[in-house]
C-alpha atoms as a PDB file:
ATOM      1  CA  UNK A   1      19.787  15.432  13.050  1.00  0.00           C
ATOM      2  CA  UNK A   2      16.633  13.660  14.161  1.00  0.00           C
ATOM      3  CA  UNK A   3      15.769  16.543  16.496  1.00  0.00           C
ATOM      4  CA  UNK A   4      16.274  19.156  13.779  1.00  0.00           C
ATOM      5  CA  UNK A   5      14.190  17.069  11.368  1.00  0.00           C
ATOM      6  CA  UNK A   6      11.328  16.789  13.879  1.00  0.00           C
ATOM      7  CA  UNK A   7      11.275  20.427  15.045  1.00  0.00           C
ATOM      8  CA  UNK A   8       8.926  21.733  12.288  1.00  0.00           C
ATOM      9  CA  UNK A   9       6.290  19.230  13.407  1.00  0.00           C
ATOM     10  CA  UNK A  10       5.750  21.247  16.606  1.00  0.00           C
ATOM     11  CA  UNK A  11       4.464  24.467  14.958  1.00  0.00           C
ATOM     12  CA  UNK A  12       2.722  22.391  12.284  1.00  0.00           C
ATOM     13  CA  UNK A  13       0.711  20.428  14.852  1.00  0.00           C
ATOM     14  CA  UNK A  14      -0.030  23.596  16.829  1.00  0.00           C
ATOM     15  CA  UNK A  15      -1.278  25.442  13.738  1.00  0.00           C
ATOM     16  CA  UNK A  16      -3.304  22.406  12.645  1.00  0.00           C
ATOM     17  CA  UNK A  17      -4.918  22.063  16.082  1.00  0.00           C
ATOM     18  CA  UNK A  18      -5.855  25.743  16.352  1.00  0.00           C
ATOM     19  CA  UNK A  19      -7.102  25.987  12.777  1.00  0.00           C
ATOM     20  CA  UNK A  20      -9.201  22.824  12.867  1.00  0.00           C
ATOM     21  CA  UNK A  21     -11.190  24.090  15.887  1.00  0.00           C
ATOM     22  CA  UNK A  22     -11.600  27.721  14.849  1.00  0.00           C
ATOM     23  CA  UNK A  23     -14.773  27.024  12.858  1.00  0.00           C
ATOM     24  CA  UNK A  24     -16.673  25.768  15.922  1.00  0.00           C
ATOM     25  CA  UNK A  25     -15.393  28.659  18.005  1.00  0.00           C
ATOM     26  CA  UNK A  26     -16.983  31.125  15.566  1.00  0.00           C
ATOM     27  CA  UNK A  27     -20.103  29.074  14.858  1.00  0.00           C
ATOM     28  CA  UNK A  28     -21.052  29.151  18.544  1.00  0.00           C
ATOM     29  CA  UNK A  29     -21.472  32.927  18.231  1.00  0.00           C
ATOM     30  CA  UNK A  30     -23.825  32.851  15.250  1.00  0.00           C
ATOM     31  CA  UNK A  31     -25.781  29.574  15.390  1.00  0.00           C
ATOM     32  CA  UNK A  32     -28.249  27.978  17.761  1.00  0.00           C
ATOM     33  CA  UNK A  33     -27.307  24.783  19.562  1.00  0.00           C
ATOM     34  CA  UNK A  34     -29.415  22.599  17.250  1.00  0.00           C
ATOM     35  CA  UNK A  35     -27.605  23.667  14.084  1.00  0.00           C
ATOM     36  CA  UNK A  36     -24.252  23.480  15.824  1.00  0.00           C
ATOM     37  CA  UNK A  37     -25.114  19.989  17.051  1.00  0.00           C
ATOM     38  CA  UNK A  38     -25.874  18.727  13.535  1.00  0.00           C
ATOM     39  CA  UNK A  39     -22.633  20.301  12.290  1.00  0.00           C
ATOM     40  CA  UNK A  40     -20.595  18.598  15.015  1.00  0.00           C
ATOM     41  CA  UNK A  41     -22.293  15.227  14.480  1.00  0.00           C
ATOM     42  CA  UNK A  42     -21.598  15.435  10.735  1.00  0.00           C
ATOM     43  CA  UNK A  43     -17.974  16.280  11.452  1.00  0.00           C
ATOM     44  CA  UNK A  44     -17.675  13.453  13.975  1.00  0.00           C
ATOM     45  CA  UNK A  45     -19.152  10.869  11.596  1.00  0.00           C
ATOM     46  CA  UNK A  46     -16.875  11.889   8.738  1.00  0.00           C
ATOM     47  CA  UNK A  47     -13.993  11.792  11.207  1.00  0.00           C
ATOM     48  CA  UNK A  48     -14.263   8.005  11.237  1.00  0.00           C
ATOM     49  CA  UNK A  49     -13.289   8.047   7.574  1.00  0.00           C
ATOM     50  CA  UNK A  50     -10.339  10.273   8.454  1.00  0.00           C
ATOM     51  CA  UNK A  51      -9.107   7.530  10.766  1.00  0.00           C
ATOM     52  CA  UNK A  52      -8.741   5.242   7.743  1.00  0.00           C
ATOM     53  CA  UNK A  53      -5.952   7.442   6.446  1.00  0.00           C
ATOM     54  CA  UNK A  54      -4.341   7.505   9.887  1.00  0.00           C
ATOM     55  CA  UNK A  55      -4.267   3.709   9.925  1.00  0.00           C
ATOM     56  CA  UNK A  56      -3.004   3.361   6.357  1.00  0.00           C
ATOM     57  CA  UNK A  57      -0.214   5.876   6.942  1.00  0.00           C
ATOM     58  CA  UNK A  58       1.312   3.484   9.474  1.00  0.00           C
ATOM     59  CA  UNK A  59       2.129   1.168   6.551  1.00  0.00           C
ATOM     60  CA  UNK A  60       2.438   3.821   3.825  1.00  0.00           C
ATOM     61  CA  UNK A  61       5.362   5.903   5.083  1.00  0.00           C
ATOM     62  CA  UNK A  62       7.648   3.012   6.167  1.00  0.00           C
ATOM     63  CA  UNK A  63       7.049   1.363   2.781  1.00  0.00           C
ATOM     64  CA  UNK A  64       7.852   4.591   0.907  1.00  0.00           C
ATOM     65  CA  UNK A  65      11.040   5.230   2.889  1.00  0.00           C
ATOM     66  CA  UNK A  66      12.200   1.629   2.476  1.00  0.00           C
ATOM     67  CA  UNK A  67      11.644   1.708  -1.280  1.00  0.00           C
ATOM     68  CA  UNK A  68      13.323   5.117  -1.514  1.00  0.00           C
ATOM     69  CA  UNK A  69      16.499   3.605  -0.056  1.00  0.00           C
ATOM     70  CA  UNK A  70      16.427   0.307  -1.935  1.00  0.00           C
ATOM     71  CA  UNK A  71      15.095   1.198  -5.390  1.00  0.00           C
ATOM     72  CA  UNK A  72      17.048   3.277  -7.897  1.00  0.00           C
ATOM     73  CA  UNK A  73      13.921   3.710 -10.024  1.00  0.00           C
ATOM     74  CA  UNK A  74      11.863   4.986  -7.102  1.00  0.00           C
ATOM     75  CA  UNK A  75      10.893   8.238  -8.871  1.00  0.00           C
ATOM     76  CA  UNK A  76       9.163   6.063 -11.500  1.00  0.00           C
ATOM     77  CA  UNK A  77       7.452   3.847  -8.925  1.00  0.00           C
ATOM     78  CA  UNK A  78       6.272   6.599  -6.557  1.00  0.00           C
ATOM     79  CA  UNK A  79       3.542   8.033  -8.856  1.00  0.00           C
ATOM     80  CA  UNK A  80       2.041   4.570  -9.344  1.00  0.00           C
ATOM     81  CA  UNK A  81       1.905   3.679  -5.663  1.00  0.00           C
ATOM     82  CA  UNK A  82       0.639   7.190  -4.843  1.00  0.00           C
ATOM     83  CA  UNK A  83      -2.217   6.676  -7.289  1.00  0.00           C
ATOM     84  CA  UNK A  84      -2.962   3.252  -5.796  1.00  0.00           C
ATOM     85  CA  UNK A  85      -2.932   4.689  -2.254  1.00  0.00           C
ATOM     86  CA  UNK A  86      -5.267   7.527  -3.234  1.00  0.00           C
ATOM     87  CA  UNK A  87      -7.582   5.083  -5.034  1.00  0.00           C
ATOM     88  CA  UNK A  88      -7.940   3.046  -1.835  1.00  0.00           C
ATOM     89  CA  UNK A  89      -8.807   6.230   0.069  1.00  0.00           C
ATOM     90  CA  UNK A  90     -11.464   7.212  -2.492  1.00  0.00           C
ATOM     91  CA  UNK A  91     -13.202   3.858  -1.960  1.00  0.00           C
ATOM     92  CA  UNK A  92     -13.572   4.574   1.750  1.00  0.00           C
ATOM     93  CA  UNK A  93     -14.535   8.189   1.006  1.00  0.00           C
ATOM     94  CA  UNK A  94     -17.327   7.101  -1.340  1.00  0.00           C
ATOM     95  CA  UNK A  95     -18.539   4.510   1.175  1.00  0.00           C
ATOM     96  CA  UNK A  96     -18.584   7.032   4.035  1.00  0.00           C
ATOM     97  CA  UNK A  97     -20.342   9.665   1.911  1.00  0.00           C
ATOM     98  CA  UNK A  98     -23.138   7.355   0.786  1.00  0.00           C
ATOM     99  CA  UNK A  99     -23.784   4.764   3.485  1.00  0.00           C
ATOM    100  CA  UNK A 100     -23.623   7.114   6.496  1.00  0.00           C
ATOM    101  CA  UNK A 101     -27.206   8.219   5.827  1.00  0.00           C
ATOM    102  CA  UNK A 102     -28.556   4.692   6.354  1.00  0.00           C
ATOM    103  CA  UNK A 103     -26.323   4.193   9.393  1.00  0.00           C
ATOM    104  CA  UNK A 104     -27.692   7.370  10.998  1.00  0.00           C
ATOM    105  CA  UNK A 105     -31.255   6.287  10.250  1.00  0.00           C
ATOM    106  CA  UNK A 106     -30.790   2.801  11.720  1.00  0.00           C
ATOM    107  CA  UNK A 107     -29.165   3.952  14.941  1.00  0.00           C
ATOM    108  CA  UNK A 108     -30.811   7.345  15.527  1.00  0.00           C
ATOM    109  CA  UNK A 109     -33.885   7.269  13.261  1.00  0.00           C
ATOM    110  CA  UNK A 110     -34.905  10.804  12.279  1.00  0.00           C
ATOM    111  CA  UNK A 111     -33.244  12.493  15.245  1.00  0.00           C
ATOM    112  CA  UNK A 112     -29.873  13.170  13.635  1.00  0.00           C
ATOM    113  CA  UNK A 113     -30.696  12.616   9.964  1.00  0.00           C
ATOM    114  CA  UNK A 114     -30.152  16.338   9.258  1.00  0.00           C
ATOM    115  CA  UNK A 115     -26.506  15.857  10.204  1.00  0.00           C
ATOM    116  CA  UNK A 116     -26.001  13.768   7.063  1.00  0.00           C
ATOM    117  CA  UNK A 117     -26.018  16.854   4.821  1.00  0.00           C
ATOM    118  CA  UNK A 118     -22.609  17.781   6.252  1.00  0.00           C
ATOM    119  CA  UNK A 119     -20.972  14.355   6.031  1.00  0.00           C
ATOM    120  CA  UNK A 120     -20.079  14.309   2.287  1.00  0.00           C
ATOM    121  CA  UNK A 121     -18.647  17.832   2.551  1.00  0.00           C
ATOM    122  CA  UNK A 122     -16.453  16.969   5.524  1.00  0.00           C
ATOM    123  CA  UNK A 123     -15.377  13.764   3.772  1.00  0.00           C
ATOM    124  CA  UNK A 124     -14.358  15.885   0.768  1.00  0.00           C
ATOM    125  CA  UNK A 125     -12.249  18.107   3.047  1.00  0.00           C
ATOM    126  CA  UNK A 126     -10.499  15.042   4.451  1.00  0.00           C
ATOM    127  CA  UNK A 127     -10.081  13.514   0.990  1.00  0.00           C
ATOM    128  CA  UNK A 128      -8.305  16.658  -0.224  1.00  0.00           C
ATOM    129  CA  UNK A 129      -5.961  16.389   2.768  1.00  0.00           C
ATOM    130  CA  UNK A 130      -5.385  12.715   2.026  1.00  0.00           C
ATOM    131  CA  UNK A 131      -4.508  13.621  -1.547  1.00  0.00           C
ATOM    132  CA  UNK A 132      -1.716  15.652   0.022  1.00  0.00           C
ATOM    133  CA  UNK A 133      -0.587  12.553   1.909  1.00  0.00           C
ATOM    134  CA  UNK A 134      -0.484  10.455  -1.267  1.00  0.00           C
ATOM    135  CA  UNK A 135       1.081  13.028  -3.578  1.00  0.00           C
ATOM    136  CA  UNK A 136       2.873  15.288  -1.094  1.00  0.00           C
ATOM    137  CA  UNK A 137       5.689  12.843  -0.427  1.00  0.00           C
ATOM    138  CA  UNK A 138       8.935  14.461  -1.484  1.00  0.00           C
ATOM    139  CA  UNK A 139       9.618  17.147   1.096  1.00  0.00           C
ATOM    140  CA  UNK A 140      10.304  14.434   3.645  1.00  0.00           C
ATOM    141  CA  UNK A 141      12.466  12.456   1.201  1.00  0.00           C
ATOM    142  CA  UNK A 142      14.862  15.375   0.710  1.00  0.00           C
ATOM    143  CA  UNK A 143      14.776  15.993   4.477  1.00  0.00           C
ATOM    144  CA  UNK A 144      13.393  19.539   4.347  1.00  0.00           C
ATOM    145  CA  UNK A 145      10.181  19.310   6.408  1.00  0.00           C
ATOM    146  CA  UNK A 146      10.208  23.041   7.168  1.00  0.00           C
ATOM    147  CA  UNK A 147       8.933  23.566   3.604  1.00  0.00           C
ATOM    148  CA  UNK A 148       5.546  22.371   4.872  1.00  0.00           C
ATOM    149  CA  UNK A 149       5.274  25.591   6.861  1.00  0.00           C
ATOM    150  CA  UNK A 150       5.101  27.441   3.530  1.00  0.00           C
ATOM    151  CA  UNK A 151       1.722  25.834   2.871  1.00  0.00           C
ATOM    152  CA  UNK A 152       0.317  25.363   6.392  1.00  0.00           C
ATOM    153  CA  UNK A 153       0.736  28.899   7.732  1.00  0.00           C
ATOM    154  CA  UNK A 154      -0.764  30.765   4.702  1.00  0.00           C
ATOM    155  CA  UNK A 155      -3.427  28.064   4.359  1.00  0.00           C
ATOM    156  CA  UNK A 156      -4.743  28.453   7.878  1.00  0.00           C
ATOM    157  CA  UNK A 157      -4.525  32.260   7.701  1.00  0.00           C
ATOM    158  CA  UNK A 158      -6.799  32.070   4.648  1.00  0.00           C
ATOM    159  CA  UNK A 159      -9.109  29.662   6.488  1.00  0.00           C
ATOM    160  CA  UNK A 160      -9.506  31.949   9.507  1.00  0.00           C
ATOM    161  CA  UNK A 161     -10.099  35.019   7.344  1.00  0.00           C
ATOM    162  CA  UNK A 162     -12.733  33.207   5.277  1.00  0.00           C
ATOM    163  CA  UNK A 163     -14.384  31.840   8.419  1.00  0.00           C
ATOM    164  CA  UNK A 164     -14.779  35.377   9.747  1.00  0.00           C
ATOM    165  CA  UNK A 165     -16.185  36.533   6.399  1.00  0.00           C
ATOM    166  CA  UNK A 166     -18.481  33.647   5.480  1.00  0.00           C
ATOM    167  CA  UNK A 167     -19.868  32.299   8.760  1.00  0.00           C
ATOM    168  CA  UNK A 168     -21.952  35.436   9.556  1.00  0.00           C
ATOM    169  CA  UNK A 169     -23.431  35.306   6.014  1.00  0.00           C
ATOM    170  CA  UNK A 170     -23.759  31.597   5.261  1.00  0.00           C
ATOM    171  CA  UNK A 171     -23.567  29.858   8.643  1.00  0.00           C
ATOM    172  CA  UNK A 172     -22.409  26.238   8.642  1.00  0.00           C
ATOM    173  CA  UNK A 173     -21.950  26.098   4.877  1.00  0.00           C
ATOM    174  CA  UNK A 174     -19.778  29.194   5.041  1.00  0.00           C
ATOM    175  CA  UNK A 175     -17.556  27.383   7.545  1.00  0.00           C
ATOM    176  CA  UNK A 176     -17.344  24.239   5.407  1.00  0.00           C
ATOM    177  CA  UNK A 177     -16.502  26.098   2.195  1.00  0.00           C
ATOM    178  CA  UNK A 178     -13.885  28.129   4.043  1.00  0.00           C
ATOM    179  CA  UNK A 179     -12.256  24.873   5.192  1.00  0.00           C
ATOM    180  CA  UNK A 180     -12.562  23.418   1.679  1.00  0.00           C
ATOM    181  CA  UNK A 181     -10.865  26.459   0.148  1.00  0.00           C
ATOM    182  CA  UNK A 182      -8.109  26.396   2.743  1.00  0.00           C
ATOM    183  CA  UNK A 183      -7.505  22.652   2.335  1.00  0.00           C
ATOM    184  CA  UNK A 184      -7.311  22.936  -1.444  1.00  0.00           C
ATOM    185  CA  UNK A 185      -4.874  25.854  -1.183  1.00  0.00           C
ATOM    186  CA  UNK A 186      -2.607  24.125   1.341  1.00  0.00           C
ATOM    187  CA  UNK A 187      -2.542  20.801  -0.479  1.00  0.00           C
ATOM    188  CA  UNK A 188      -1.900  22.472  -3.853  1.00  0.00           C
ATOM    189  CA  UNK A 189       1.137  24.305  -2.495  1.00  0.00           C
ATOM    190  CA  UNK A 190       2.369  21.266  -0.583  1.00  0.00           C
ATOM    191  CA  UNK A 191       2.114  18.944  -3.592  1.00  0.00           C
ATOM    192  CA  UNK A 192       3.765  21.515  -5.873  1.00  0.00           C
ATOM    193  CA  UNK A 193       6.709  21.946  -3.492  1.00  0.00           C
ATOM    194  CA  UNK A 194       6.989  18.166  -3.091  1.00  0.00           C
ATOM    195  CA  UNK A 195       7.220  17.660  -6.857  1.00  0.00           C
ATOM    196  CA  UNK A 196       9.821  20.424  -7.171  1.00  0.00           C
ATOM    197  CA  UNK A 197      11.858  18.956  -4.305  1.00  0.00           C
ATOM    198  CA  UNK A 198      11.597  15.395  -5.639  1.00  0.00           C
ATOM    199  CA  UNK A 199      10.590  15.466  -9.350  1.00  0.00           C
ATOM    200  CA  UNK A 200       8.419  12.680 -10.788  1.00  0.00           C
ATOM    201  CA  UNK A 201       5.364  12.243 -13.008  1.00  0.00           C
ATOM    202  CA  UNK A 202       1.973  13.453 -11.809  1.00  0.00           C
ATOM    203  CA  UNK A 203      -0.303  11.065 -13.793  1.00  0.00           C
ATOM    204  CA  UNK A 204      -2.840  13.852 -14.271  1.00  0.00           C
ATOM    205  CA  UNK A 205      -4.970  11.977 -16.846  1.00  0.00           C
ATOM    206  CA  UNK A 206      -5.497   8.951 -14.609  1.00  0.00           C
ATOM    207  CA  UNK A 207      -6.228  11.207 -11.646  1.00  0.00           C
ATOM    208  CA  UNK A 208      -8.875  13.088 -13.630  1.00  0.00           C
ATOM    209  CA  UNK A 209     -10.462   9.793 -14.693  1.00  0.00           C
ATOM    210  CA  UNK A 210     -10.540   8.641 -11.087  1.00  0.00           C
ATOM    211  CA  UNK A 211     -12.046  11.932  -9.870  1.00  0.00           C
ATOM    212  CA  UNK A 212     -14.681  11.813 -12.624  1.00  0.00           C
ATOM    213  CA  UNK A 213     -15.693   8.260 -11.702  1.00  0.00           C
ATOM    214  CA  UNK A 214     -15.786   9.120  -8.013  1.00  0.00           C
ATOM    215  CA  UNK A 215     -17.997  12.164  -8.667  1.00  0.00           C
ATOM    216  CA  UNK A 216     -20.298  10.211 -10.988  1.00  0.00           C
ATOM    217  CA  UNK A 217     -20.936   7.341  -8.574  1.00  0.00           C
ATOM    218  CA  UNK A 218     -21.343   9.715  -5.634  1.00  0.00           C
ATOM    219  CA  UNK A 219     -23.998  11.755  -7.479  1.00  0.00           C
ATOM    220  CA  UNK A 220     -25.834   8.562  -8.486  1.00  0.00           C
ATOM    221  CA  UNK A 221     -25.876   7.330  -4.901  1.00  0.00           C
ATOM    222  CA  UNK A 222     -26.601  10.681  -3.284  1.00  0.00           C
ATOM    223  CA  UNK A 223     -29.577  11.395  -5.535  1.00  0.00           C
ATOM    224  CA  UNK A 224     -31.051   7.907  -5.176  1.00  0.00           C
ATOM    225  CA  UNK A 225     -34.277   7.815  -3.209  1.00  0.00           C
ATOM    226  CA  UNK A 226     -35.883   4.596  -1.988  1.00  0.00           C
ATOM    227  CA  UNK A 227     -38.694   4.027   0.474  1.00  0.00           C
ATOM    228  CA  UNK A 228     -36.739   1.231   2.144  1.00  0.00           C
ATOM    229  CA  UNK A 229     -33.427   2.011   3.855  1.00  0.00           C
ATOM    230  CA  UNK A 230     -32.297  -1.581   3.245  1.00  0.00           C
ATOM    231  CA  UNK A 231     -32.931  -1.219  -0.500  1.00  0.00           C
ATOM    232  CA  UNK A 232     -31.041   2.069  -0.479  1.00  0.00           C
ATOM    233  CA  UNK A 233     -28.131   0.465   1.377  1.00  0.00           C
ATOM    234  CA  UNK A 234     -27.939  -2.430  -1.112  1.00  0.00           C
ATOM    235  CA  UNK A 235     -28.115  -0.056  -4.091  1.00  0.00           C
ATOM    236  CA  UNK A 236     -25.327   2.132  -2.722  1.00  0.00           C
ATOM    237  CA  UNK A 237     -23.271  -0.955  -1.917  1.00  0.00           C
ATOM    238  CA  UNK A 238     -23.576  -2.071  -5.555  1.00  0.00           C
ATOM    239  CA  UNK A 239     -22.495   1.389  -6.701  1.00  0.00           C
ATOM    240  CA  UNK A 240     -19.397   1.158  -4.512  1.00  0.00           C
ATOM    241  CA  UNK A 241     -18.538  -2.276  -5.950  1.00  0.00           C
ATOM    242  CA  UNK A 242     -19.022  -0.906  -9.474  1.00  0.00           C
ATOM    243  CA  UNK A 243     -16.746   2.028  -8.662  1.00  0.00           C
ATOM    244  CA  UNK A 244     -14.033  -0.296  -7.375  1.00  0.00           C
ATOM    245  CA  UNK A 245     -14.285  -2.490 -10.486  1.00  0.00           C
ATOM    246  CA  UNK A 246     -14.490   0.230 -13.133  1.00  0.00           C
ATOM    247  CA  UNK A 247     -11.995   2.435 -11.299  1.00  0.00           C
ATOM    248  CA  UNK A 248      -9.453  -0.386 -11.134  1.00  0.00           C
ATOM    249  CA  UNK A 249      -9.641  -1.143 -14.855  1.00  0.00           C
ATOM    250  CA  UNK A 250      -9.805   2.521 -15.913  1.00  0.00           C
ATOM    251  CA  UNK A 251      -6.892   3.698 -13.782  1.00  0.00           C
ATOM    252  CA  UNK A 252      -4.571   0.678 -13.704  1.00  0.00           C
ATOM    253  CA  UNK A 253      -5.473  -1.066 -16.935  1.00  0.00           C
ATOM    254  CA  UNK A 254      -6.710  -4.573 -17.659  1.00  0.00           C
ATOM    255  CA  UNK A 255      -3.397  -6.415 -17.233  1.00  0.00           C
ATOM    256  CA  UNK A 256      -2.351  -4.622 -14.041  1.00  0.00           C
ATOM    257  CA  UNK A 257      -5.776  -5.154 -12.452  1.00  0.00           C
ATOM    258  CA  UNK A 258      -5.760  -8.879 -13.222  1.00  0.00           C
ATOM    259  CA  UNK A 259      -2.192  -9.101 -11.947  1.00  0.00           C
ATOM    260  CA  UNK A 260      -3.189  -7.521  -8.611  1.00  0.00           C
ATOM    261  CA  UNK A 261      -6.234  -9.785  -8.287  1.00  0.00           C
ATOM    262  CA  UNK A 262      -4.096 -12.872  -8.961  1.00  0.00           C
ATOM    263  CA  UNK A 263      -1.402 -11.663  -6.578  1.00  0.00           C
ATOM    264  CA  UNK A 264      -3.799 -11.171  -3.655  1.00  0.00           C
ATOM    265  CA  UNK A 265      -5.583 -14.415  -4.459  1.00  0.00           C
ATOM    266  CA  UNK A 266      -2.291 -16.358  -4.317  1.00  0.00           C
ATOM    267  CA  UNK A 267      -1.357 -14.503  -1.148  1.00  0.00           C
ATOM    268  CA  UNK A 268      -4.602 -15.584   0.540  1.00  0.00           C
ATOM    269  CA  UNK A 269      -4.150 -19.174  -0.646  1.00  0.00           C
ATOM    270  CA  UNK A 270      -0.616 -19.249   0.751  1.00  0.00           C
ATOM    271  CA  UNK A 271      -1.546 -17.611   4.051  1.00  0.00           C
ATOM    272  CA  UNK A 272      -4.637 -19.663   4.863  1.00  0.00           C
ATOM    273  CA  UNK A 273      -3.564 -22.904   3.120  1.00  0.00           C
ATOM    274  CA  UNK A 274      -6.541 -22.831   0.768  1.00  0.00           C
ATOM    275  CA  UNK A 275      -6.743 -25.024  -2.294  1.00  0.00           C
ATOM    276  CA  UNK A 276      -6.503 -23.362  -5.685  1.00  0.00           C
ATOM    277  CA  UNK A 277     -10.167 -24.188  -6.422  1.00  0.00           C
ATOM    278  CA  UNK A 278     -11.275 -22.393  -3.282  1.00  0.00           C
END
């Protein structure tokens, strides 16, 4: 049973590997090395954000499977923890999209600053995929992982077709928007199938609020322009803190937010033997 369950992961990983490198294969034919270098650096820098999801998944999936077995009301709990998981990922996405510019400037000065223009777009691609991680749970719970092929294969076919169409016309941005379109298509199908396979609420209103806040704070930070990189870094850091605060209260409510703050505070006190005043 374990072997049968794991078999779809082989073509999935193969398709994912081929599709994720096809953009650079085509870009080499139409771009000079300088443009391609900026594109690759932007992709590499945003890839560090992608690793956040890889780390969090180590705790996410075991927790979900354990709760699925133990809790009879799991279909009511899953939307809430999916929203919480996605909210955590948006915090790192906003941080990576805004602060990377200052990081590039401090470590490489003006040499690779042009690579920053690609970072928020690549982060958006990864964030869409991570949305699929948070809300695409369901296919695995009913033990039908081959359903994922229904989204991955058409999604990457669309990506490759769009890459061939848009890269000659629009260059690097054509490649990025082809990957964005493909990611949105694949995640939409995957999440839809997951909710059909394991029905539960979608919490669309709270998701829209979260997306609006994320977009608003990103635009504020992205359009900010200061002469000092330190001032810019501090300003963007304050925006991220504001997003975390407002996002927590807007999405989870006043009582739930205070409950989580109290819970983690008590957990820290217990773990490190701190006094209640500390």
